[in-house]
């Protein structure tokens, strides 16, 4: 699949972090896994998105030991991030329904 639009990637990251705090590689793996390998998020897209979401106050981060005992930056969704996730999901569903209607015609 092609590159994800910025807003779509942000939404996927927020949705992933709504379940649990994760490090960057784990976020990318979870998105790939949940999409049945249809969506692959490269580091060149993921880390700028994480940085932007953190600057916007939608996620926070802290350093901790990973599963293999290496230091990793773990990201968590903030209350503001949960609020944004809810509104973005509503908008995304409306947009997806509208696109589906257009594609049905003909």
PDB file of N, CA and C in Angstrom:
ATOM      1  N   UNK A   1       0.843  -1.188   0.000  1.00  0.00           N
ATOM      2  CA  UNK A   1       0.000   0.000   0.000  1.00  0.00           C
ATOM      3  C   UNK A   1       0.881   1.240   0.000  1.00  0.00           C
ATOM      4  N   UNK A   2       0.393   2.310  -0.545  1.00  0.00           N
ATOM      5  CA  UNK A   2       1.163   3.550  -0.621  1.00  0.00           C
ATOM      6  C   UNK A   2       1.316   4.222   0.731  1.00  0.00           C
ATOM      7  N   UNK A   3       1.910   5.403   0.709  1.00  0.00           N
ATOM      8  CA  UNK A   3       2.130   6.152   1.941  1.00  0.00           C
ATOM      9  C   UNK A   3       0.811   6.554   2.579  1.00  0.00           C
ATOM     10  N   UNK A   4       0.791   6.511   3.890  1.00  0.00           N
ATOM     11  CA  UNK A   4      -0.384   6.945   4.633  1.00  0.00           C
ATOM     12  C   UNK A   4      -0.408   8.460   4.710  1.00  0.00           C
ATOM     13  N   UNK A   5      -1.573   9.033   4.598  1.00  0.00           N
ATOM     14  CA  UNK A   5      -1.704  10.466   4.809  1.00  0.00           C
ATOM     15  C   UNK A   5      -1.384  10.782   6.261  1.00  0.00           C
ATOM     16  N   UNK A   6      -0.826  11.951   6.495  1.00  0.00           N
ATOM     17  CA  UNK A   6      -0.405  12.346   7.842  1.00  0.00           C
ATOM     18  C   UNK A   6      -1.523  12.175   8.865  1.00  0.00           C
ATOM     19  N   UNK A   7      -2.696  12.678   8.574  1.00  0.00           N
ATOM     20  CA  UNK A   7      -3.802  12.595   9.521  1.00  0.00           C
ATOM     21  C   UNK A   7      -4.211  11.157   9.804  1.00  0.00           C
ATOM     22  N   UNK A   8      -4.141  10.303   8.791  1.00  0.00           N
ATOM     23  CA  UNK A   8      -4.488   8.903   8.961  1.00  0.00           C
ATOM     24  C   UNK A   8      -3.469   8.204   9.849  1.00  0.00           C
ATOM     25  N   UNK A   9      -2.191   8.477   9.633  1.00  0.00           N
ATOM     26  CA  UNK A   9      -1.144   7.890  10.466  1.00  0.00           C
ATOM     27  C   UNK A   9      -1.306   8.344  11.916  1.00  0.00           C
ATOM     28  N   UNK A  10      -1.573   9.618  12.114  1.00  0.00           N
ATOM     29  CA  UNK A  10      -1.790  10.137  13.476  1.00  0.00           C
ATOM     30  C   UNK A  10      -2.932   9.380  14.151  1.00  0.00           C
ATOM     31  N   UNK A  11      -4.019   9.182  13.426  1.00  0.00           N
ATOM     32  CA  UNK A  11      -5.180   8.478  13.963  1.00  0.00           C
ATOM     33  C   UNK A  11      -4.820   7.041  14.332  1.00  0.00           C
ATOM     34  N   UNK A  12      -4.077   6.358  13.477  1.00  0.00           N
ATOM     35  CA  UNK A  12      -3.670   4.980  13.749  1.00  0.00           C
ATOM     36  C   UNK A  12      -2.761   4.901  14.975  1.00  0.00           C
ATOM     37  N   UNK A  13      -1.864   5.864  15.112  1.00  0.00           N
ATOM     38  CA  UNK A  13      -0.973   5.896  16.276  1.00  0.00           C
ATOM     39  C   UNK A  13      -1.781   6.116  17.553  1.00  0.00           C
ATOM     40  N   UNK A  14      -2.686   7.082  17.535  1.00  0.00           N
ATOM     41  CA  UNK A  14      -3.509   7.358  18.716  1.00  0.00           C
ATOM     42  C   UNK A  14      -4.351   6.138  19.093  1.00  0.00           C
ATOM     43  N   UNK A  15      -4.928   5.490  18.096  1.00  0.00           N
ATOM     44  CA  UNK A  15      -5.748   4.306  18.351  1.00  0.00           C
ATOM     45  C   UNK A  15      -4.899   3.191  18.958  1.00  0.00           C
ATOM     46  N   UNK A  16      -3.702   3.004  18.442  1.00  0.00           N
ATOM     47  CA  UNK A  16      -2.801   1.975  18.967  1.00  0.00           C
ATOM     48  C   UNK A  16      -2.416   2.270  20.406  1.00  0.00           C
ATOM     49  N   UNK A  17      -2.113   3.520  20.702  1.00  0.00           N
ATOM     50  CA  UNK A  17      -1.698   3.897  22.061  1.00  0.00           C
ATOM     51  C   UNK A  17      -2.869   3.943  23.039  1.00  0.00           C
ATOM     52  N   UNK A  18      -4.094   3.976  22.532  1.00  0.00           N
ATOM     53  CA  UNK A  18      -5.256   3.958  23.416  1.00  0.00           C
ATOM     54  C   UNK A  18      -5.344   2.623  24.147  1.00  0.00           C
ATOM     55  N   UNK A  19      -4.737   1.592  23.582  1.00  0.00           N
ATOM     56  CA  UNK A  19      -4.756   0.262  24.183  1.00  0.00           C
ATOM     57  C   UNK A  19      -3.705   0.129  25.271  1.00  0.00           C
ATOM     58  N   UNK A  20      -2.481   0.609  25.002  1.00  0.00           N
ATOM     59  CA  UNK A  20      -1.393   0.523  25.979  1.00  0.00           C
ATOM     60  C   UNK A  20      -0.216   1.373  25.509  1.00  0.00           C
ATOM     61  N   UNK A  21       0.643   1.733  26.461  1.00  0.00           N
ATOM     62  CA  UNK A  21       1.868   2.467  26.125  1.00  0.00           C
ATOM     63  C   UNK A  21       2.786   1.532  25.330  1.00  0.00           C
ATOM     64  N   UNK A  22       3.481   2.076  24.334  1.00  0.00           N
ATOM     65  CA  UNK A  22       4.345   1.254  23.490  1.00  0.00           C
ATOM     66  C   UNK A  22       5.533   2.080  23.023  1.00  0.00           C
ATOM     67  N   UNK A  23       6.593   1.387  22.629  1.00  0.00           N
ATOM     68  CA  UNK A  23       7.718   2.071  21.995  1.00  0.00           C
ATOM     69  C   UNK A  23       7.450   2.125  20.494  1.00  0.00           C
ATOM     70  N   UNK A  24       8.216   2.946  19.799  1.00  0.00           N
ATOM     71  CA  UNK A  24       7.963   3.202  18.385  1.00  0.00           C
ATOM     72  C   UNK A  24       7.894   1.953  17.529  1.00  0.00           C
ATOM     73  N   UNK A  25       8.880   1.065  17.671  1.00  0.00           N
ATOM     74  CA  UNK A  25       8.890  -0.153  16.856  1.00  0.00           C
ATOM     75  C   UNK A  25       7.638  -0.980  17.131  1.00  0.00           C
ATOM     76  N   UNK A  26       7.208  -1.034  18.404  1.00  0.00           N
ATOM     77  CA  UNK A  26       6.007  -1.777  18.766  1.00  0.00           C
ATOM     78  C   UNK A  26       4.753  -1.196  18.128  1.00  0.00           C
ATOM     79  N   UNK A  27       4.698   0.131  18.044  1.00  0.00           N
ATOM     80  CA  UNK A  27       3.554   0.803  17.407  1.00  0.00           C
ATOM     81  C   UNK A  27       3.478   0.390  15.936  1.00  0.00           C
ATOM     82  N   UNK A  28       4.615   0.462  15.245  1.00  0.00           N
ATOM     83  CA  UNK A  28       4.653   0.095  13.823  1.00  0.00           C
ATOM     84  C   UNK A  28       4.244  -1.367  13.622  1.00  0.00           C
ATOM     85  N   UNK A  29       4.753  -2.237  14.492  1.00  0.00           N
ATOM     86  CA  UNK A  29       4.428  -3.670  14.401  1.00  0.00           C
ATOM     87  C   UNK A  29       2.944  -3.913  14.644  1.00  0.00           C
ATOM     88  N   UNK A  30       2.366  -3.227  15.635  1.00  0.00           N
ATOM     89  CA  UNK A  30       0.947  -3.413  15.956  1.00  0.00           C
ATOM     90  C   UNK A  30       0.069  -2.963  14.783  1.00  0.00           C
ATOM     91  N   UNK A  31       0.384  -1.826  14.196  1.00  0.00           N
ATOM     92  CA  UNK A  31      -0.405  -1.345  13.051  1.00  0.00           C
ATOM     93  C   UNK A  31      -0.318  -2.336  11.902  1.00  0.00           C
ATOM     94  N   UNK A  32       0.881  -2.843  11.633  1.00  0.00           N
ATOM     95  CA  UNK A  32       1.053  -3.825  10.558  1.00  0.00           C
ATOM     96  C   UNK A  32       0.272  -5.101  10.861  1.00  0.00           C
ATOM     97  N   UNK A  33       0.351  -5.557  12.108  1.00  0.00           N
ATOM     98  CA  UNK A  33      -0.327  -6.785  12.513  1.00  0.00           C
ATOM     99  C   UNK A  33      -1.843  -6.643  12.424  1.00  0.00           C
ATOM    100  N   UNK A  34      -2.381  -5.549  12.975  1.00  0.00           N
ATOM    101  CA  UNK A  34      -3.831  -5.359  12.984  1.00  0.00           C
ATOM    102  C   UNK A  34      -4.401  -5.134  11.589  1.00  0.00           C
ATOM    103  N   UNK A  35      -3.570  -4.651  10.665  1.00  0.00           N
ATOM    104  CA  UNK A  35      -4.038  -4.415   9.293  1.00  0.00           C
ATOM    105  C   UNK A  35      -3.780  -5.626   8.399  1.00  0.00           C
ATOM    106  N   UNK A  36      -3.433  -6.760   8.980  1.00  0.00           N
ATOM    107  CA  UNK A  36      -3.119  -7.975   8.215  1.00  0.00           C
ATOM    108  C   UNK A  36      -2.025  -7.697   7.189  1.00  0.00           C
ATOM    109  N   UNK A  37      -1.013  -6.965   7.620  1.00  0.00           N
ATOM    110  CA  UNK A  37       0.166  -6.618   6.810  1.00  0.00           C
ATOM    111  C   UNK A  37      -0.132  -5.662   5.653  1.00  0.00           C
ATOM    112  N   UNK A  38      -1.322  -5.084   5.617  1.00  0.00           N
ATOM    113  CA  UNK A  38      -1.653  -4.150   4.534  1.00  0.00           C
ATOM    114  C   UNK A  38      -1.003  -2.791   4.751  1.00  0.00           C
ATOM    115  N   UNK A  39      -0.815  -2.404   6.015  1.00  0.00           N
ATOM    116  CA  UNK A  39      -0.223  -1.101   6.337  1.00  0.00           C
ATOM    117  C   UNK A  39       1.137  -1.308   6.981  1.00  0.00           C
ATOM    118  N   UNK A  40       2.153  -0.716   6.383  1.00  0.00           N
ATOM    119  CA  UNK A  40       3.491  -0.776   6.951  1.00  0.00           C
ATOM    120  C   UNK A  40       3.969   0.646   7.161  1.00  0.00           C
ATOM    121  N   UNK A  41       4.360   0.947   8.382  1.00  0.00           N
ATOM    122  CA  UNK A  41       4.767   2.301   8.741  1.00  0.00           C
ATOM    123  C   UNK A  41       6.282   2.331   8.874  1.00  0.00           C
ATOM    124  N   UNK A  42       6.924   3.088   8.008  1.00  0.00           N
ATOM    125  CA  UNK A  42       8.373   3.211   8.060  1.00  0.00           C
ATOM    126  C   UNK A  42       8.811   4.197   9.120  1.00  0.00           C
ATOM    127  N   UNK A  43      10.066   4.051   9.561  1.00  0.00           N
ATOM    128  CA  UNK A  43      10.604   4.949  10.582  1.00  0.00           C
ATOM    129  C   UNK A  43      10.589   6.401  10.122  1.00  0.00           C
ATOM    130  N   UNK A  44      10.771   6.617   8.824  1.00  0.00           N
ATOM    131  CA  UNK A  44      10.793   7.973   8.287  1.00  0.00           C
ATOM    132  C   UNK A  44       9.457   8.689   8.407  1.00  0.00           C
ATOM    133  N   UNK A  45       8.375   7.927   8.552  1.00  0.00           N
ATOM    134  CA  UNK A  45       7.047   8.507   8.779  1.00  0.00           C
ATOM    135  C   UNK A  45       6.662   8.453  10.250  1.00  0.00           C
ATOM    136  N   UNK A  46       7.006   7.342  10.900  1.00  0.00           N
ATOM    137  CA  UNK A  46       6.566   7.113  12.273  1.00  0.00           C
ATOM    138  C   UNK A  46       7.141   8.121  13.258  1.00  0.00           C
ATOM    139  N   UNK A  47       8.453   8.285  13.269  1.00  0.00           N
ATOM    140  CA  UNK A  47       9.059   9.124  14.304  1.00  0.00           C
ATOM    141  C   UNK A  47       8.733  10.607  14.161  1.00  0.00           C
ATOM    142  N   UNK A  48       8.651  11.146  12.952  1.00  0.00           N
ATOM    143  CA  UNK A  48       8.166  12.536  12.845  1.00  0.00           C
ATOM    144  C   UNK A  48       6.721  12.676  13.339  1.00  0.00           C
ATOM    145  N   UNK A  49       5.889  11.668  13.080  1.00  0.00           N
ATOM    146  CA  UNK A  49       4.495  11.713  13.547  1.00  0.00           C
ATOM    147  C   UNK A  49       4.446  11.660  15.072  1.00  0.00           C
ATOM    148  N   UNK A  50       5.250  10.791  15.680  1.00  0.00           N
ATOM    149  CA  UNK A  50       5.290  10.711  17.144  1.00  0.00           C
ATOM    150  C   UNK A  50       5.752  12.036  17.741  1.00  0.00           C
ATOM    151  N   UNK A  51       6.759  12.624  17.140  1.00  0.00           N
ATOM    152  CA  UNK A  51       7.273  13.911  17.622  1.00  0.00           C
ATOM    153  C   UNK A  51       6.195  14.995  17.529  1.00  0.00           C
ATOM    154  N   UNK A  52       5.500  15.044  16.400  1.00  0.00           N
ATOM    155  CA  UNK A  52       4.441  16.035  16.186  1.00  0.00           C
ATOM    156  C   UNK A  52       3.294  15.836  17.188  1.00  0.00           C
ATOM    157  N   UNK A  53       2.891  14.581  17.405  1.00  0.00           N
ATOM    158  CA  UNK A  53       1.813  14.290  18.352  1.00  0.00           C
ATOM    159  C   UNK A  53       2.213  14.675  19.777  1.00  0.00           C
ATOM    160  N   UNK A  54       3.489  14.475  20.093  1.00  0.00           N
ATOM    161  CA  UNK A  54       3.963  14.846  21.433  1.00  0.00           C
ATOM    162  C   UNK A  54       3.983  16.369  21.583  1.00  0.00           C
ATOM    163  N   UNK A  55       4.441  17.079  20.564  1.00  0.00           N
ATOM    164  CA  UNK A  55       4.443  18.545  20.613  1.00  0.00           C
ATOM    165  C   UNK A  55       3.029  19.100  20.756  1.00  0.00           C
ATOM    166  N   UNK A  56       2.061  18.416  20.148  1.00  0.00           N
ATOM    167  CA  UNK A  56       0.663  18.853  20.222  1.00  0.00           C
ATOM    168  C   UNK A  56      -0.014  18.454  21.534  1.00  0.00           C
ATOM    169  N   UNK A  57       0.708  17.729  22.401  1.00  0.00           N
ATOM    170  CA  UNK A  57       0.151  17.321  23.690  1.00  0.00           C
ATOM    171  C   UNK A  57      -0.800  16.141  23.617  1.00  0.00           C
ATOM    172  N   UNK A  58      -0.798  15.418  22.486  1.00  0.00           N
ATOM    173  CA  UNK A  58      -1.714  14.296  22.312  1.00  0.00           C
ATOM    174  C   UNK A  58      -1.136  12.988  22.844  1.00  0.00           C
ATOM    175  N   UNK A  59       0.201  12.928  22.916  1.00  0.00           N
ATOM    176  CA  UNK A  59       0.879  11.790  23.517  1.00  0.00           C
ATOM    177  C   UNK A  59       2.003  12.315  24.409  1.00  0.00           C
ATOM    178  N   UNK A  60       2.465  11.465  25.304  1.00  0.00           N
ATOM    179  CA  UNK A  60       3.621  11.786  26.131  1.00  0.00           C
ATOM    180  C   UNK A  60       4.604  10.630  26.008  1.00  0.00           C
ATOM    181  N   UNK A  61       5.837  10.836  26.472  1.00  0.00           N
ATOM    182  CA  UNK A  61       6.825   9.766  26.360  1.00  0.00           C
ATOM    183  C   UNK A  61       7.704   9.716  27.595  1.00  0.00           C
ATOM    184  N   UNK A  62       8.273   8.543  27.824  1.00  0.00           N
ATOM    185  CA  UNK A  62       9.265   8.375  28.882  1.00  0.00           C
ATOM    186  C   UNK A  62      10.178   7.218  28.512  1.00  0.00           C
ATOM    187  N   UNK A  63      11.410   7.294  28.976  1.00  0.00           N
ATOM    188  CA  UNK A  63      12.386   6.244  28.716  1.00  0.00           C
ATOM    189  C   UNK A  63      12.187   5.122  29.728  1.00  0.00           C
ATOM    190  N   UNK A  64      12.256   3.871  29.251  1.00  0.00           N
ATOM    191  CA  UNK A  64      12.120   2.698  30.116  1.00  0.00           C
ATOM    192  C   UNK A  64      12.840   1.528  29.437  1.00  0.00           C
ATOM    193  N   UNK A  65      12.970   0.444  30.153  1.00  0.00           N
ATOM    194  CA  UNK A  65      13.601  -0.753  29.597  1.00  0.00           C
ATOM    195  C   UNK A  65      12.590  -1.500  28.736  1.00  0.00           C
ATOM    196  N   UNK A  66      13.032  -1.934  27.565  1.00  0.00           N
ATOM    197  CA  UNK A  66      12.162  -2.690  26.666  1.00  0.00           C
ATOM    198  C   UNK A  66      12.187  -4.172  27.045  1.00  0.00           C
ATOM    199  N   UNK A  67      11.474  -4.990  26.278  1.00  0.00           N
ATOM    200  CA  UNK A  67      11.394  -6.425  26.550  1.00  0.00           C
ATOM    201  C   UNK A  67      12.779  -7.073  26.566  1.00  0.00           C
ATOM    202  N   UNK A  68      13.672  -6.575  25.704  1.00  0.00           N
ATOM    203  CA  UNK A  68      15.017  -7.160  25.641  1.00  0.00           C
ATOM    204  C   UNK A  68      16.027  -6.373  26.487  1.00  0.00           C
ATOM    205  N   UNK A  69      15.504  -5.617  27.447  1.00  0.00           N
ATOM    206  CA  UNK A  69      16.317  -4.886  28.429  1.00  0.00           C
ATOM    207  C   UNK A  69      17.135  -3.735  27.844  1.00  0.00           C
ATOM    208  N   UNK A  70      16.726  -3.218  26.712  1.00  0.00           N
ATOM    209  CA  UNK A  70      17.353  -2.019  26.144  1.00  0.00           C
ATOM    210  C   UNK A  70      16.494  -0.816  26.496  1.00  0.00           C
ATOM    211  N   UNK A  71      17.150   0.344  26.550  1.00  0.00           N
ATOM    212  CA  UNK A  71      16.384   1.563  26.801  1.00  0.00           C
ATOM    213  C   UNK A  71      15.571   1.916  25.557  1.00  0.00           C
ATOM    214  N   UNK A  72      14.321   2.208  25.774  1.00  0.00           N
ATOM    215  CA  UNK A  72      13.444   2.591  24.669  1.00  0.00           C
ATOM    216  C   UNK A  72      12.509   3.688  25.152  1.00  0.00           C
ATOM    217  N   UNK A  73      12.101   4.521  24.221  1.00  0.00           N
ATOM    218  CA  UNK A  73      11.156   5.593  24.539  1.00  0.00           C
ATOM    219  C   UNK A  73       9.743   5.035  24.375  1.00  0.00           C
ATOM    220  N   UNK A  74       8.995   5.047  25.461  1.00  0.00           N
ATOM    221  CA  UNK A  74       7.620   4.557  25.445  1.00  0.00           C
ATOM    222  C   UNK A  74       6.660   5.733  25.345  1.00  0.00           C
ATOM    223  N   UNK A  75       5.677   5.583  24.476  1.00  0.00           N
ATOM    224  CA  UNK A  75       4.692   6.629  24.227  1.00  0.00           C
ATOM    225  C   UNK A  75       3.351   6.233  24.821  1.00  0.00           C
ATOM    226  N   UNK A  76       2.652   7.215  25.391  1.00  0.00           N
ATOM    227  CA  UNK A  76       1.325   7.016  25.975  1.00  0.00           C
ATOM    228  C   UNK A  76       0.393   8.100  25.452  1.00  0.00           C
ATOM    229  N   UNK A  77      -0.870   7.748  25.316  1.00  0.00           N
ATOM    230  CA  UNK A  77      -1.864   8.742  24.900  1.00  0.00           C
ATOM    231  C   UNK A  77      -2.249   9.587  26.116  1.00  0.00           C
ATOM    232  N   UNK A  78      -2.452  10.866  25.910  1.00  0.00           N
ATOM    233  CA  UNK A  78      -2.853  11.782  26.978  1.00  0.00           C
ATOM    234  C   UNK A  78      -4.377  11.937  26.957  1.00  0.00           C
ATOM    235  N   UNK A  79      -4.960  12.541  28.000  1.00  0.00           N
ATOM    236  CA  UNK A  79      -6.403  12.804  27.968  1.00  0.00           C
ATOM    237  C   UNK A  79      -6.805  13.634  26.734  1.00  0.00           C
ATOM    238  N   UNK A  80      -5.989  14.607  26.371  1.00  0.00           N
ATOM    239  CA  UNK A  80      -6.269  15.399  25.169  1.00  0.00           C
ATOM    240  C   UNK A  80      -6.217  14.514  23.926  1.00  0.00           C
ATOM    241  N   UNK A  81      -5.271  13.581  23.910  1.00  0.00           N
ATOM    242  CA  UNK A  81      -5.157  12.643  22.794  1.00  0.00           C
ATOM    243  C   UNK A  81      -6.380  11.748  22.675  1.00  0.00           C
ATOM    244  N   UNK A  82      -6.912  11.310  23.815  1.00  0.00           N
ATOM    245  CA  UNK A  82      -8.124  10.470  23.791  1.00  0.00           C
ATOM    246  C   UNK A  82      -9.319  11.257  23.238  1.00  0.00           C
ATOM    247  N   UNK A  83      -9.394  12.519  23.617  1.00  0.00           N
ATOM    248  CA  UNK A  83     -10.472  13.379  23.118  1.00  0.00           C
ATOM    249  C   UNK A  83     -10.345  13.562  21.600  1.00  0.00           C
ATOM    250  N   UNK A  84      -9.131  13.816  21.140  1.00  0.00           N
ATOM    251  CA  UNK A  84      -8.892  13.971  19.697  1.00  0.00           C
ATOM    252  C   UNK A  84      -9.187  12.670  18.962  1.00  0.00           C
ATOM    253  N   UNK A  85      -8.783  11.541  19.533  1.00  0.00           N
ATOM    254  CA  UNK A  85      -9.038  10.242  18.907  1.00  0.00           C
ATOM    255  C   UNK A  85     -10.530  10.037  18.690  1.00  0.00           C
ATOM    256  N   UNK A  86     -11.310  10.342  19.693  1.00  0.00           N
ATOM    257  CA  UNK A  86     -12.761  10.159  19.589  1.00  0.00           C
ATOM    258  C   UNK A  86     -13.340  11.015  18.464  1.00  0.00           C
ATOM    259  N   UNK A  87     -12.965  12.295  18.406  1.00  0.00           N
ATOM    260  CA  UNK A  87     -13.519  13.172  17.372  1.00  0.00           C
ATOM    261  C   UNK A  87     -12.998  12.786  15.985  1.00  0.00           C
ATOM    262  N   UNK A  88     -11.724  12.405  15.895  1.00  0.00           N
ATOM    263  CA  UNK A  88     -11.161  12.017  14.595  1.00  0.00           C
ATOM    264  C   UNK A  88     -11.792  10.729  14.079  1.00  0.00           C
ATOM    265  N   UNK A  89     -12.076   9.786  14.980  1.00  0.00           N
ATOM    266  CA  UNK A  89     -12.711   8.541  14.541  1.00  0.00           C
ATOM    267  C   UNK A  89     -14.105   8.805  13.996  1.00  0.00           C
ATOM    268  N   UNK A  90     -14.836   9.704  14.636  1.00  0.00           N
ATOM    269  CA  UNK A  90     -16.164  10.063  14.150  1.00  0.00           C
ATOM    270  C   UNK A  90     -16.074  10.660  12.746  1.00  0.00           C
ATOM    271  N   UNK A  91     -15.141  11.593  12.562  1.00  0.00           N
ATOM    272  CA  UNK A  91     -14.960  12.216  11.245  1.00  0.00           C
ATOM    273  C   UNK A  91     -14.511  11.202  10.202  1.00  0.00           C
ATOM    274  N   UNK A  92     -13.598  10.316  10.588  1.00  0.00           N
ATOM    275  CA  UNK A  92     -13.080   9.319   9.649  1.00  0.00           C
ATOM    276  C   UNK A  92     -14.192   8.398   9.182  1.00  0.00           C
ATOM    277  N   UNK A  93     -15.054   7.977  10.103  1.00  0.00           N
ATOM    278  CA  UNK A  93     -16.170   7.099   9.732  1.00  0.00           C
ATOM    279  C   UNK A  93     -17.109   7.792   8.753  1.00  0.00           C
ATOM    280  N   UNK A  94     -17.387   9.074   8.989  1.00  0.00           N
ATOM    281  CA  UNK A  94     -18.252   9.834   8.072  1.00  0.00           C
ATOM    282  C   UNK A  94     -17.615   9.909   6.684  1.00  0.00           C
ATOM    283  N   UNK A  95     -16.327  10.205   6.643  1.00  0.00           N
ATOM    284  CA  UNK A  95     -15.614  10.316   5.374  1.00  0.00           C
ATOM    285  C   UNK A  95     -15.588   8.973   4.648  1.00  0.00           C
ATOM    286  N   UNK A  96     -15.307   7.901   5.375  1.00  0.00           N
ATOM    287  CA  UNK A  96     -15.260   6.564   4.768  1.00  0.00           C
ATOM    288  C   UNK A  96     -16.625   6.189   4.190  1.00  0.00           C
ATOM    289  N   UNK A  97     -17.706   6.514   4.899  1.00  0.00           N
ATOM    290  CA  UNK A  97     -19.050   6.221   4.406  1.00  0.00           C
ATOM    291  C   UNK A  97     -19.351   7.021   3.142  1.00  0.00           C
ATOM    292  N   UNK A  98     -18.941   8.287   3.131  1.00  0.00           N
ATOM    293  CA  UNK A  98     -19.180   9.134   1.961  1.00  0.00           C
ATOM    294  C   UNK A  98     -18.411   8.613   0.753  1.00  0.00           C
ATOM    295  N   UNK A  99     -17.171   8.207   0.955  1.00  0.00           N
ATOM    296  CA  UNK A  99     -16.370   7.670  -0.153  1.00  0.00           C
ATOM    297  C   UNK A  99     -16.998   6.375  -0.663  1.00  0.00           C
ATOM    298  N   UNK A 100     -17.444   5.534   0.251  1.00  0.00           N
ATOM    299  CA  UNK A 100     -18.096   4.276  -0.152  1.00  0.00           C
ATOM    300  C   UNK A 100     -19.333   4.539  -1.002  1.00  0.00           C
ATOM    301  N   UNK A 101     -20.105   5.562  -0.649  1.00  0.00           N
ATOM    302  CA  UNK A 101     -21.295   5.911  -1.430  1.00  0.00           C
ATOM    303  C   UNK A 101     -20.922   6.327  -2.845  1.00  0.00           C
ATOM    304  N   UNK A 102     -19.896   7.147  -2.964  1.00  0.00           N
ATOM    305  CA  UNK A 102     -19.453   7.620  -4.282  1.00  0.00           C
ATOM    306  C   UNK A 102     -18.970   6.430  -5.121  1.00  0.00           C
ATOM    307  N   UNK A 103     -18.229   5.541  -4.513  1.00  0.00           N
ATOM    308  CA  UNK A 103     -17.674   4.403  -5.248  1.00  0.00           C
ATOM    309  C   UNK A 103     -18.739   3.399  -5.661  1.00  0.00           C
ATOM    310  N   UNK A 104     -19.881   3.384  -4.982  1.00  0.00           N
ATOM    311  CA  UNK A 104     -20.966   2.470  -5.333  1.00  0.00           C
ATOM    312  C   UNK A 104     -21.694   2.905  -6.593  1.00  0.00           C
ATOM    313  N   UNK A 105     -21.692   4.205  -6.825  1.00  0.00           N
ATOM    314  CA  UNK A 105     -22.456   4.732  -7.960  1.00  0.00           C
ATOM    315  C   UNK A 105     -21.864   4.228  -9.284  1.00  0.00           C
ATOM    316  N   UNK A 106     -22.766   3.962 -10.231  1.00  0.00           N
ATOM    317  CA  UNK A 106     -22.297   3.594 -11.562  1.00  0.00           C
ATOM    318  C   UNK A 106     -22.432   2.158 -11.787  1.00  0.00           C
TER     319      UNK A 106
END
